[in-house]
Amino acid sequence: MAVLELKNVSKAYGKGSEKVQILSDINLKVNEGEFLAIVGFSGSGKTTLMKMLAGLEKPDSGEIIFNGKPITGPSSEKGIIFQNYSLLPWLSVYDNVALSVNAVYTEKSKVIRNRIIRETVDMVSLTPAINKKPGELSGGMRQRVSVARTLAVDPQLLLMDEPLSALDALTRGNLQSEILKIWSKNKRTAILITNDVDEGILMADRIVPLNPGPNASFGPEFDINLERPRLKTALNHNPDFKKLRNSIMEYLMSIGEGRKASFDEEIILPNLSPIKKKINFRKIA
């Protein structure tokens, strides 16, 4: 059953001659408990799409339905993890996570809220650093705080906008495993924006490419029928993984070449002739 549905969604920025159509005629259904990955090139409109899913921006046309109702703004049902950590530097790990917990669980007692905060911080393995401030943490630890802050309120829809792209390979791999471990406990509906095909195959149930903009739209869907839990080292020797990866990469490369060819055709330099103008030089005493 689809818990999230996008119907003919379009979004543009600017006005008049400066108007740029970012997304056009976006249609998508996401089932409850599904982990979906959206892959695409930089500048294709992935973040714009994610902001609309979170209710931070509204589509120019079409509608986004979540739990049977149009998304009209942000809510605690939808949690989003951005690429940048968005932490308050003067607050500790505990207090940064407490911001979301106290805002959402207003009717719960202080004791219960404290337990939720500490359990979530422990879930992302940050209990030893619970009283430290962001400036005292590594990039990977800061991103784990961001993950904890979002997961602490147990959102029905988990949105992730390239949350691991700025991390080193080792930290990225560890956080991939942690996010999957947390997701597998309650199987909340999750959407991951990424430009890493391997990451999408490792984490998701389905991959949908977002074609390059302007006028970006979705490409063909790729189902990931690989048994969970998935290990990177094992996937490298899995023929089904290799076949799937090659199919996705071939599609992305084909639309990338098509985009390049389109730009090459459109860029026409005008005929230019040098300006002939007599210049008088005066002697400087």
C-alpha atoms as a PDB file:
ATOM      1  CA  MET A   1       0.000   0.000   0.000  1.00  0.00           C
ATOM      2  CA  ALA A   2       1.391   3.402  -1.015  1.00  0.00           C
ATOM      3  CA  VAL A   3       1.964   5.667   1.996  1.00  0.00           C
ATOM      4  CA  LEU A   4       3.508   8.404  -0.149  1.00  0.00           C
ATOM      5  CA  GLU A   5       2.455   9.478  -3.630  1.00  0.00           C
ATOM      6  CA  LEU A   6       3.648  12.245  -5.934  1.00  0.00           C
ATOM      7  CA  LYS A   7       1.191  13.219  -8.656  1.00  0.00           C
ATOM      8  CA  ASN A   8       2.400  15.308 -11.605  1.00  0.00           C
ATOM      9  CA  VAL A   9       4.673  17.408  -9.372  1.00  0.00           C
ATOM     10  CA  SER A  10       6.536  20.316 -10.992  1.00  0.00           C
ATOM     11  CA  LYS A  11       8.756  23.018  -9.512  1.00  0.00           C
ATOM     12  CA  ALA A  12      10.482  26.073 -10.988  1.00  0.00           C
ATOM     13  CA  TYR A  13      12.530  28.970  -9.636  1.00  0.00           C
ATOM     14  CA  GLY A  14      12.727  32.530 -10.919  1.00  0.00           C
ATOM     15  CA  LYS A  15      10.318  34.611 -12.964  1.00  0.00           C
ATOM     16  CA  GLY A  16       9.886  35.653 -16.562  1.00  0.00           C
ATOM     17  CA  SER A  17      12.903  35.090 -18.786  1.00  0.00           C
ATOM     18  CA  GLU A  18      14.944  33.983 -15.758  1.00  0.00           C
ATOM     19  CA  LYS A  19      12.528  31.187 -14.823  1.00  0.00           C
ATOM     20  CA  VAL A  20      14.126  27.734 -14.704  1.00  0.00           C
ATOM     21  CA  GLN A  21      11.976  24.612 -14.607  1.00  0.00           C
ATOM     22  CA  ILE A  22      13.744  22.337 -12.113  1.00  0.00           C
ATOM     23  CA  LEU A  23      11.336  19.374 -11.922  1.00  0.00           C
ATOM     24  CA  SER A  24       8.593  18.438 -14.378  1.00  0.00           C
ATOM     25  CA  ASP A  25       5.774  15.912 -14.128  1.00  0.00           C
ATOM     26  CA  ILE A  26       7.203  13.884 -11.232  1.00  0.00           C
ATOM     27  CA  ASN A  27       5.135  10.783 -10.427  1.00  0.00           C
ATOM     28  CA  LEU A  28       6.056   8.271  -7.761  1.00  0.00           C
ATOM     29  CA  LYS A  29       4.522   5.833  -5.278  1.00  0.00           C
ATOM     30  CA  VAL A  30       6.354   4.648  -2.163  1.00  0.00           C
ATOM     31  CA  ASN A  31       4.995   1.737  -0.143  1.00  0.00           C
ATOM     32  CA  GLU A  32       4.840   1.668   3.633  1.00  0.00           C
ATOM     33  CA  GLY A  33       8.077   0.354   5.102  1.00  0.00           C
ATOM     34  CA  GLU A  34       9.934   0.616   1.797  1.00  0.00           C
ATOM     35  CA  PHE A  35      13.494   1.935   1.555  1.00  0.00           C
ATOM     36  CA  LEU A  36      13.765   3.921  -1.675  1.00  0.00           C
ATOM     37  CA  ALA A  37      16.938   5.445  -3.114  1.00  0.00           C
ATOM     38  CA  ILE A  38      16.877   8.281  -5.645  1.00  0.00           C
ATOM     39  CA  VAL A  39      20.133   8.638  -7.582  1.00  0.00           C
ATOM     40  CA  GLY A  40      21.126  11.346 -10.001  1.00  0.00           C
ATOM     41  CA  PHE A  41      23.640  13.934 -11.092  1.00  0.00           C
ATOM     42  CA  SER A  42      24.472  17.048  -9.099  1.00  0.00           C
ATOM     43  CA  GLY A  43      22.102  19.866  -9.976  1.00  0.00           C
ATOM     44  CA  SER A  44      19.313  17.565 -11.137  1.00  0.00           C
ATOM     45  CA  GLY A  45      16.887  18.803  -8.471  1.00  0.00           C
ATOM     46  CA  LYS A  46      17.266  16.079  -5.845  1.00  0.00           C
ATOM     47  CA  THR A  47      17.419  18.504  -2.911  1.00  0.00           C
ATOM     48  CA  THR A  48      14.468  20.504  -4.256  1.00  0.00           C
ATOM     49  CA  LEU A  49      12.467  17.274  -4.388  1.00  0.00           C
ATOM     50  CA  MET A  50      13.499  16.374  -0.840  1.00  0.00           C
ATOM     51  CA  LYS A  51      12.464  19.786   0.500  1.00  0.00           C
ATOM     52  CA  MET A  52       9.005  19.336  -1.016  1.00  0.00           C
ATOM     53  CA  LEU A  53       8.693  15.873   0.532  1.00  0.00           C
ATOM     54  CA  ALA A  54       9.589  17.377   3.914  1.00  0.00           C
ATOM     55  CA  GLY A  55       7.044  20.171   3.455  1.00  0.00           C
ATOM     56  CA  LEU A  56       9.710  22.881   3.444  1.00  0.00           C
ATOM     57  CA  GLU A  57       8.701  23.956  -0.069  1.00  0.00           C
ATOM     58  CA  LYS A  58       5.525  23.598  -2.101  1.00  0.00           C
ATOM     59  CA  PRO A  59       5.246  22.339  -5.678  1.00  0.00           C
ATOM     60  CA  ASP A  60       4.107  24.801  -8.337  1.00  0.00           C
ATOM     61  CA  SER A  61       1.686  22.190  -9.655  1.00  0.00           C
ATOM     62  CA  GLY A  62       0.638  18.678  -8.763  1.00  0.00           C
ATOM     63  CA  GLU A  63       0.408  17.336  -5.228  1.00  0.00           C
ATOM     64  CA  ILE A  64       2.270  15.185  -2.745  1.00  0.00           C
ATOM     65  CA  ILE A  65       0.092  12.848  -0.664  1.00  0.00           C
ATOM     66  CA  PHE A  66       1.317  11.355   2.620  1.00  0.00           C
ATOM     67  CA  ASN A  67      -0.933   9.090   4.693  1.00  0.00           C
ATOM     68  CA  GLY A  68      -3.855  10.063   2.487  1.00  0.00           C
ATOM     69  CA  LYS A  69      -3.446  13.825   2.979  1.00  0.00           C
ATOM     70  CA  PRO A  70      -1.617  16.498   0.942  1.00  0.00           C
ATOM     71  CA  ILE A  71       1.679  17.680   2.429  1.00  0.00           C
ATOM     72  CA  THR A  72       1.221  21.351   3.277  1.00  0.00           C
ATOM     73  CA  GLY A  73       4.187  21.920   5.576  1.00  0.00           C
ATOM     74  CA  PRO A  74       6.723  20.281   7.905  1.00  0.00           C
ATOM     75  CA  SER A  75       5.554  17.965  10.675  1.00  0.00           C
ATOM     76  CA  SER A  76       6.953  15.514  13.203  1.00  0.00           C
ATOM     77  CA  GLU A  77       5.718  12.638  11.026  1.00  0.00           C
ATOM     78  CA  LYS A  78       8.481  13.490   8.543  1.00  0.00           C
ATOM     79  CA  GLY A  79      12.102  13.600   9.653  1.00  0.00           C
ATOM     80  CA  ILE A  80      14.904  14.823   7.424  1.00  0.00           C
ATOM     81  CA  ILE A  81      18.679  14.422   7.654  1.00  0.00           C
ATOM     82  CA  PHE A  82      20.588  16.954   5.559  1.00  0.00           C
ATOM     83  CA  GLN A  83      24.121  16.731   4.204  1.00  0.00           C
ATOM     84  CA  ASN A  84      25.222  19.515   6.559  1.00  0.00           C
ATOM     85  CA  TYR A  85      24.800  18.724  10.230  1.00  0.00           C
ATOM     86  CA  SER A  86      22.700  21.781  11.199  1.00  0.00           C
ATOM     87  CA  LEU A  87      23.679  21.458  14.858  1.00  0.00           C
ATOM     88  CA  LEU A  88      23.630  24.301  17.349  1.00  0.00           C
ATOM     89  CA  PRO A  89      27.320  24.752  18.267  1.00  0.00           C
ATOM     90  CA  TRP A  90      26.687  26.004  21.798  1.00  0.00           C
ATOM     91  CA  LEU A  91      24.654  22.921  22.768  1.00  0.00           C
ATOM     92  CA  SER A  92      25.924  19.495  23.770  1.00  0.00           C
ATOM     93  CA  VAL A  93      25.072  16.250  21.959  1.00  0.00           C
ATOM     94  CA  TYR A  94      22.362  15.628  24.566  1.00  0.00           C
ATOM     95  CA  ASP A  95      20.846  19.103  24.179  1.00  0.00           C
ATOM     96  CA  ASN A  96      20.890  19.020  20.362  1.00  0.00           C
ATOM     97  CA  VAL A  97      18.907  15.778  20.402  1.00  0.00           C
ATOM     98  CA  ALA A  98      16.688  17.150  23.175  1.00  0.00           C
ATOM     99  CA  LEU A  99      15.571  20.000  20.902  1.00  0.00           C
ATOM    100  CA  SER A 100      13.528  17.687  18.707  1.00  0.00           C
ATOM    101  CA  VAL A 101      12.404  15.396  21.533  1.00  0.00           C
ATOM    102  CA  ASN A 102      11.089  18.274  23.678  1.00  0.00           C
ATOM    103  CA  ALA A 103       9.393  19.900  20.693  1.00  0.00           C
ATOM    104  CA  VAL A 104       7.502  16.741  19.667  1.00  0.00           C
ATOM    105  CA  TYR A 105       6.879  14.903  22.944  1.00  0.00           C
ATOM    106  CA  THR A 106       5.406  17.821  24.871  1.00  0.00           C
ATOM    107  CA  GLU A 107       2.960  15.585  26.752  1.00  0.00           C
ATOM    108  CA  LYS A 108       5.559  13.101  27.958  1.00  0.00           C
ATOM    109  CA  SER A 109       7.227  13.484  31.341  1.00  0.00           C
ATOM    110  CA  LYS A 110      10.763  14.769  31.723  1.00  0.00           C
ATOM    111  CA  VAL A 111      11.867  11.304  32.843  1.00  0.00           C
ATOM    112  CA  ILE A 112      10.532   9.646  29.694  1.00  0.00           C
ATOM    113  CA  ARG A 113      11.989  12.325  27.421  1.00  0.00           C
ATOM    114  CA  ASN A 114      15.373  11.918  29.108  1.00  0.00           C
ATOM    115  CA  ARG A 115      15.208   8.165  28.510  1.00  0.00           C
ATOM    116  CA  ILE A 116      14.343   8.643  24.815  1.00  0.00           C
ATOM    117  CA  ILE A 117      17.251  11.064  24.347  1.00  0.00           C
ATOM    118  CA  ARG A 118      19.799   8.807  26.036  1.00  0.00           C
ATOM    119  CA  GLU A 119      18.587   5.655  24.252  1.00  0.00           C
ATOM    120  CA  THR A 120      18.800   7.373  20.868  1.00  0.00           C
ATOM    121  CA  VAL A 121      22.262   8.777  21.562  1.00  0.00           C
ATOM    122  CA  ASP A 122      23.352   5.285  22.597  1.00  0.00           C
ATOM    123  CA  MET A 123      21.788   3.880  19.413  1.00  0.00           C
ATOM    124  CA  VAL A 124      24.274   5.873  17.314  1.00  0.00           C
ATOM    125  CA  SER A 125      27.157   4.982  19.673  1.00  0.00           C
ATOM    126  CA  LEU A 126      27.679   8.483  21.074  1.00  0.00           C
ATOM    127  CA  THR A 127      27.070   7.933  24.786  1.00  0.00           C
ATOM    128  CA  PRO A 128      30.744   8.630  25.691  1.00  0.00           C
ATOM    129  CA  ALA A 129      30.422  12.017  23.934  1.00  0.00           C
ATOM    130  CA  ILE A 130      26.931  12.890  25.148  1.00  0.00           C
ATOM    131  CA  ASN A 131      28.092  16.044  26.983  1.00  0.00           C
ATOM    132  CA  LYS A 132      30.450  17.276  24.259  1.00  0.00           C
ATOM    133  CA  LYS A 133      29.646  20.149  21.896  1.00  0.00           C
ATOM    134  CA  PRO A 134      29.833  19.886  18.066  1.00  0.00           C
ATOM    135  CA  GLY A 135      33.196  21.664  17.956  1.00  0.00           C
ATOM    136  CA  GLU A 136      34.687  18.804  19.958  1.00  0.00           C
ATOM    137  CA  LEU A 137      33.393  16.118  17.578  1.00  0.00           C
ATOM    138  CA  SER A 138      34.628  14.706  14.283  1.00  0.00           C
ATOM    139  CA  GLY A 139      32.560  15.090  11.114  1.00  0.00           C
ATOM    140  CA  GLY A 140      31.266  11.551  11.392  1.00  0.00           C
ATOM    141  CA  MET A 141      30.225  12.060  15.007  1.00  0.00           C
ATOM    142  CA  ARG A 142      28.410  15.289  14.149  1.00  0.00           C
ATOM    143  CA  GLN A 143      26.468  13.501  11.446  1.00  0.00           C
ATOM    144  CA  ARG A 144      25.544  10.801  13.951  1.00  0.00           C
ATOM    145  CA  VAL A 145      24.140  13.525  16.214  1.00  0.00           C
ATOM    146  CA  SER A 146      22.080  14.749  13.263  1.00  0.00           C
ATOM    147  CA  VAL A 147      20.848  11.196  12.649  1.00  0.00           C
ATOM    148  CA  ALA A 148      20.009  10.765  16.342  1.00  0.00           C
ATOM    149  CA  ARG A 149      18.107  14.053  16.477  1.00  0.00           C
ATOM    150  CA  THR A 150      15.902  12.932  13.588  1.00  0.00           C
ATOM    151  CA  LEU A 151      15.392   9.347  14.728  1.00  0.00           C
ATOM    152  CA  ALA A 152      14.636  10.324  18.326  1.00  0.00           C
ATOM    153  CA  VAL A 153      11.093  11.366  17.422  1.00  0.00           C
ATOM    154  CA  ASP A 154      10.496   8.150  15.435  1.00  0.00           C
ATOM    155  CA  PRO A 155       9.214   9.785  12.206  1.00  0.00           C
ATOM    156  CA  GLN A 156       6.904   7.744   9.975  1.00  0.00           C
ATOM    157  CA  LEU A 157       8.821   8.992   6.941  1.00  0.00           C
ATOM    158  CA  LEU A 158      12.618   9.230   7.116  1.00  0.00           C
ATOM    159  CA  LEU A 159      14.153  11.531   4.498  1.00  0.00           C
ATOM    160  CA  MET A 160      17.899  11.599   3.906  1.00  0.00           C
ATOM    161  CA  ASP A 161      19.439  14.188   1.572  1.00  0.00           C
ATOM    162  CA  GLU A 162      22.940  12.846   0.807  1.00  0.00           C
ATOM    163  CA  PRO A 163      23.684  12.658   4.553  1.00  0.00           C
ATOM    164  CA  LEU A 164      26.931  10.732   4.121  1.00  0.00           C
ATOM    165  CA  SER A 165      28.465  12.300   1.018  1.00  0.00           C
ATOM    166  CA  ALA A 166      30.875  14.592   2.899  1.00  0.00           C
ATOM    167  CA  LEU A 167      32.338  11.800   5.040  1.00  0.00           C
ATOM    168  CA  ASP A 168      35.450   9.705   4.499  1.00  0.00           C
ATOM    169  CA  ALA A 169      34.970   6.174   3.164  1.00  0.00           C
ATOM    170  CA  LEU A 170      35.403   4.396   6.514  1.00  0.00           C
ATOM    171  CA  THR A 171      33.033   6.693   8.427  1.00  0.00           C
ATOM    172  CA  ARG A 172      30.542   6.559   5.562  1.00  0.00           C
ATOM    173  CA  GLY A 173      30.534   2.764   5.594  1.00  0.00           C
ATOM    174  CA  ASN A 174      30.041   2.647   9.368  1.00  0.00           C
ATOM    175  CA  LEU A 175      27.126   5.090   9.244  1.00  0.00           C
ATOM    176  CA  GLN A 176      25.507   3.181   6.385  1.00  0.00           C
ATOM    177  CA  SER A 177      25.515   0.103   8.600  1.00  0.00           C
ATOM    178  CA  GLU A 178      24.168   2.024  11.594  1.00  0.00           C
ATOM    179  CA  ILE A 179      21.320   3.610   9.615  1.00  0.00           C
ATOM    180  CA  LEU A 180      20.360   0.201   8.170  1.00  0.00           C
ATOM    181  CA  LYS A 181      20.488  -1.381  11.612  1.00  0.00           C
ATOM    182  CA  ILE A 182      18.201   1.316  13.031  1.00  0.00           C
ATOM    183  CA  TRP A 183      15.847   1.176  10.015  1.00  0.00           C
ATOM    184  CA  SER A 184      15.518  -2.618  10.237  1.00  0.00           C
ATOM    185  CA  LYS A 185      14.162  -2.382  13.792  1.00  0.00           C
ATOM    186  CA  ASN A 186      10.922  -0.614  12.882  1.00  0.00           C
ATOM    187  CA  LYS A 187      10.995  -0.563   9.042  1.00  0.00           C
ATOM    188  CA  ARG A 188       9.825   3.030   8.723  1.00  0.00           C
ATOM    189  CA  THR A 189       9.386   4.304   5.182  1.00  0.00           C
ATOM    190  CA  ALA A 190      12.720   5.778   4.096  1.00  0.00           C
ATOM    191  CA  ILE A 191      13.901   7.802   1.096  1.00  0.00           C
ATOM    192  CA  LEU A 192      17.602   8.297   0.480  1.00  0.00           C
ATOM    193  CA  ILE A 193      18.968  10.872  -1.955  1.00  0.00           C
ATOM    194  CA  THR A 194      22.420   9.844  -3.155  1.00  0.00           C
ATOM    195  CA  ASN A 195      24.795  10.138  -6.084  1.00  0.00           C
ATOM    196  CA  ASP A 196      26.482   6.845  -5.136  1.00  0.00           C
ATOM    197  CA  VAL A 197      24.953   3.859  -6.959  1.00  0.00           C
ATOM    198  CA  ASP A 198      26.708   1.336  -4.689  1.00  0.00           C
ATOM    199  CA  GLU A 199      25.273   3.064  -1.610  1.00  0.00           C
ATOM    200  CA  GLY A 200      21.790   2.923  -3.125  1.00  0.00           C
ATOM    201  CA  ILE A 201      22.061  -0.800  -3.886  1.00  0.00           C
ATOM    202  CA  LEU A 202      23.488  -1.552  -0.439  1.00  0.00           C
ATOM    203  CA  MET A 203      20.717   0.256   1.455  1.00  0.00           C
ATOM    204  CA  ALA A 204      17.538   0.371  -0.619  1.00  0.00           C
ATOM    205  CA  ASP A 205      14.742  -1.897  -1.849  1.00  0.00           C
ATOM    206  CA  ARG A 206      14.376   0.095  -5.062  1.00  0.00           C
ATOM    207  CA  ILE A 207      16.367   2.697  -6.979  1.00  0.00           C
ATOM    208  CA  VAL A 208      14.828   5.431  -9.122  1.00  0.00           C
ATOM    209  CA  PRO A 209      17.159   7.636 -11.201  1.00  0.00           C
ATOM    210  CA  LEU A 210      16.377  11.342 -11.467  1.00  0.00           C
ATOM    211  CA  ASN A 211      17.241  12.493 -14.977  1.00  0.00           C
ATOM    212  CA  PRO A 212      19.366  15.647 -15.359  1.00  0.00           C
ATOM    213  CA  GLY A 213      17.560  18.972 -15.325  1.00  0.00           C
ATOM    214  CA  PRO A 214      16.243  21.369 -16.227  1.00  0.00           C
ATOM    215  CA  ASN A 215      12.805  19.730 -16.536  1.00  0.00           C
ATOM    216  CA  ALA A 216      14.107  16.752 -14.572  1.00  0.00           C
ATOM    217  CA  SER A 217      11.893  13.686 -14.375  1.00  0.00           C
ATOM    218  CA  PHE A 218      12.248  10.123 -13.138  1.00  0.00           C
ATOM    219  CA  GLY A 219      13.838   7.386 -15.212  1.00  0.00           C
ATOM    220  CA  PRO A 220      13.077   3.639 -15.072  1.00  0.00           C
ATOM    221  CA  GLU A 221      12.873   1.917 -11.705  1.00  0.00           C
ATOM    222  CA  PHE A 222      15.363  -0.746 -10.612  1.00  0.00           C
ATOM    223  CA  ASP A 223      14.191  -3.308  -8.030  1.00  0.00           C
ATOM    224  CA  ILE A 224      16.888  -4.577  -5.665  1.00  0.00           C
ATOM    225  CA  ASN A 225      16.145  -8.220  -4.962  1.00  0.00           C
ATOM    226  CA  LEU A 226      19.201  -8.898  -2.860  1.00  0.00           C
ATOM    227  CA  GLU A 227      18.883 -10.630   0.483  1.00  0.00           C
ATOM    228  CA  ARG A 228      19.327  -8.561   3.652  1.00  0.00           C
ATOM    229  CA  PRO A 229      21.495  -7.929   5.572  1.00  0.00           C
ATOM    230  CA  ARG A 230      23.894  -6.940   2.811  1.00  0.00           C
ATOM    231  CA  LEU A 231      27.636  -6.764   3.255  1.00  0.00           C
ATOM    232  CA  LYS A 232      29.782  -4.700   0.893  1.00  0.00           C
ATOM    233  CA  THR A 233      32.510  -7.323   0.723  1.00  0.00           C
ATOM    234  CA  ALA A 234      30.011 -10.045  -0.178  1.00  0.00           C
ATOM    235  CA  LEU A 235      28.196  -7.886  -2.746  1.00  0.00           C
ATOM    236  CA  ASN A 236      31.410  -7.409  -4.715  1.00  0.00           C
ATOM    237  CA  HIS A 237      31.345 -11.127  -5.526  1.00  0.00           C
ATOM    238  CA  ASN A 238      27.583 -11.349  -6.134  1.00  0.00           C
ATOM    239  CA  PRO A 239      26.712 -11.710  -9.862  1.00  0.00           C
ATOM    240  CA  ASP A 240      23.204 -10.242  -9.308  1.00  0.00           C
ATOM    241  CA  PHE A 241      24.754  -7.142  -7.710  1.00  0.00           C
ATOM    242  CA  LYS A 242      27.182  -6.726 -10.596  1.00  0.00           C
ATOM    243  CA  LYS A 243      24.406  -7.082 -13.180  1.00  0.00           C
ATOM    244  CA  LEU A 244      22.166  -4.592 -11.381  1.00  0.00           C
ATOM    245  CA  ARG A 245      25.006  -2.108 -10.862  1.00  0.00           C
ATOM    246  CA  ASN A 246      25.988  -2.292 -14.516  1.00  0.00           C
ATOM    247  CA  SER A 247      22.387  -1.708 -15.637  1.00  0.00           C
ATOM    248  CA  ILE A 248      22.008   1.398 -13.465  1.00  0.00           C
ATOM    249  CA  MET A 249      25.422   2.773 -14.433  1.00  0.00           C
ATOM    250  CA  GLU A 250      24.751   2.211 -18.142  1.00  0.00           C
ATOM    251  CA  TYR A 251      21.474   4.108 -17.866  1.00  0.00           C
ATOM    252  CA  LEU A 252      23.054   7.008 -15.979  1.00  0.00           C
ATOM    253  CA  MET A 253      25.936   7.185 -18.451  1.00  0.00           C
ATOM    254  CA  SER A 254      23.542   7.175 -21.398  1.00  0.00           C
ATOM    255  CA  ILE A 255      21.484  10.086 -20.090  1.00  0.00           C
ATOM    256  CA  GLY A 256      24.687  11.870 -19.115  1.00  0.00           C
ATOM    257  CA  GLU A 257      25.988  11.585 -22.663  1.00  0.00           C
ATOM    258  CA  GLY A 258      22.619  12.717 -23.981  1.00  0.00           C
ATOM    259  CA  ARG A 259      22.731  15.761 -21.747  1.00  0.00           C
ATOM    260  CA  LYS A 260      26.252  16.609 -22.910  1.00  0.00           C
ATOM    261  CA  ALA A 261      25.257  16.240 -26.567  1.00  0.00           C
ATOM    262  CA  SER A 262      22.225  18.461 -26.007  1.00  0.00           C
ATOM    263  CA  PHE A 263      24.379  21.194 -24.483  1.00  0.00           C
ATOM    264  CA  ASP A 264      26.934  20.880 -27.277  1.00  0.00           C
ATOM    265  CA  GLU A 265      24.195  21.440 -29.848  1.00  0.00           C
ATOM    266  CA  GLU A 266      22.691  24.366 -28.036  1.00  0.00           C
ATOM    267  CA  ILE A 267      25.929  26.292 -27.479  1.00  0.00           C
ATOM    268  CA  ILE A 268      26.518  28.268 -30.692  1.00  0.00           C
ATOM    269  CA  LEU A 269      29.098  31.031 -30.606  1.00  0.00           C
ATOM    270  CA  PRO A 270      28.278  34.149 -32.624  1.00  0.00           C
ATOM    271  CA  ASN A 271      30.523  35.398 -35.395  1.00  0.00           C
ATOM    272  CA  LEU A 272      32.821  37.994 -33.901  1.00  0.00           C
ATOM    273  CA  SER A 273      35.003  40.541 -35.650  1.00  0.00           C
ATOM    274  CA  PRO A 274      37.638  42.673 -33.970  1.00  0.00           C
ATOM    275  CA  ILE A 275      36.757  46.242 -33.102  1.00  0.00           C
ATOM    276  CA  LYS A 276      38.990  48.610 -35.046  1.00  0.00           C
ATOM    277  CA  LYS A 277      39.449  51.814 -33.198  1.00  0.00           C
ATOM    278  CA  LYS A 278      42.224  54.365 -33.439  1.00  0.00           C
ATOM    279  CA  ILE A 279      43.916  54.918 -30.127  1.00  0.00           C
ATOM    280  CA  ASN A 280      45.853  58.091 -29.450  1.00  0.00           C
ATOM    281  CA  PHE A 281      48.665  57.843 -26.969  1.00  0.00           C
ATOM    282  CA  ARG A 282      49.821  60.951 -25.191  1.00  0.00           C
ATOM    283  CA  LYS A 283      53.350  61.268 -23.951  1.00  0.00           C
ATOM    284  CA  ILE A 284      53.483  61.316 -20.213  1.00  0.00           C
ATOM    285  CA  ALA A 285      56.078  63.753 -18.915  1.00  0.00           C
END
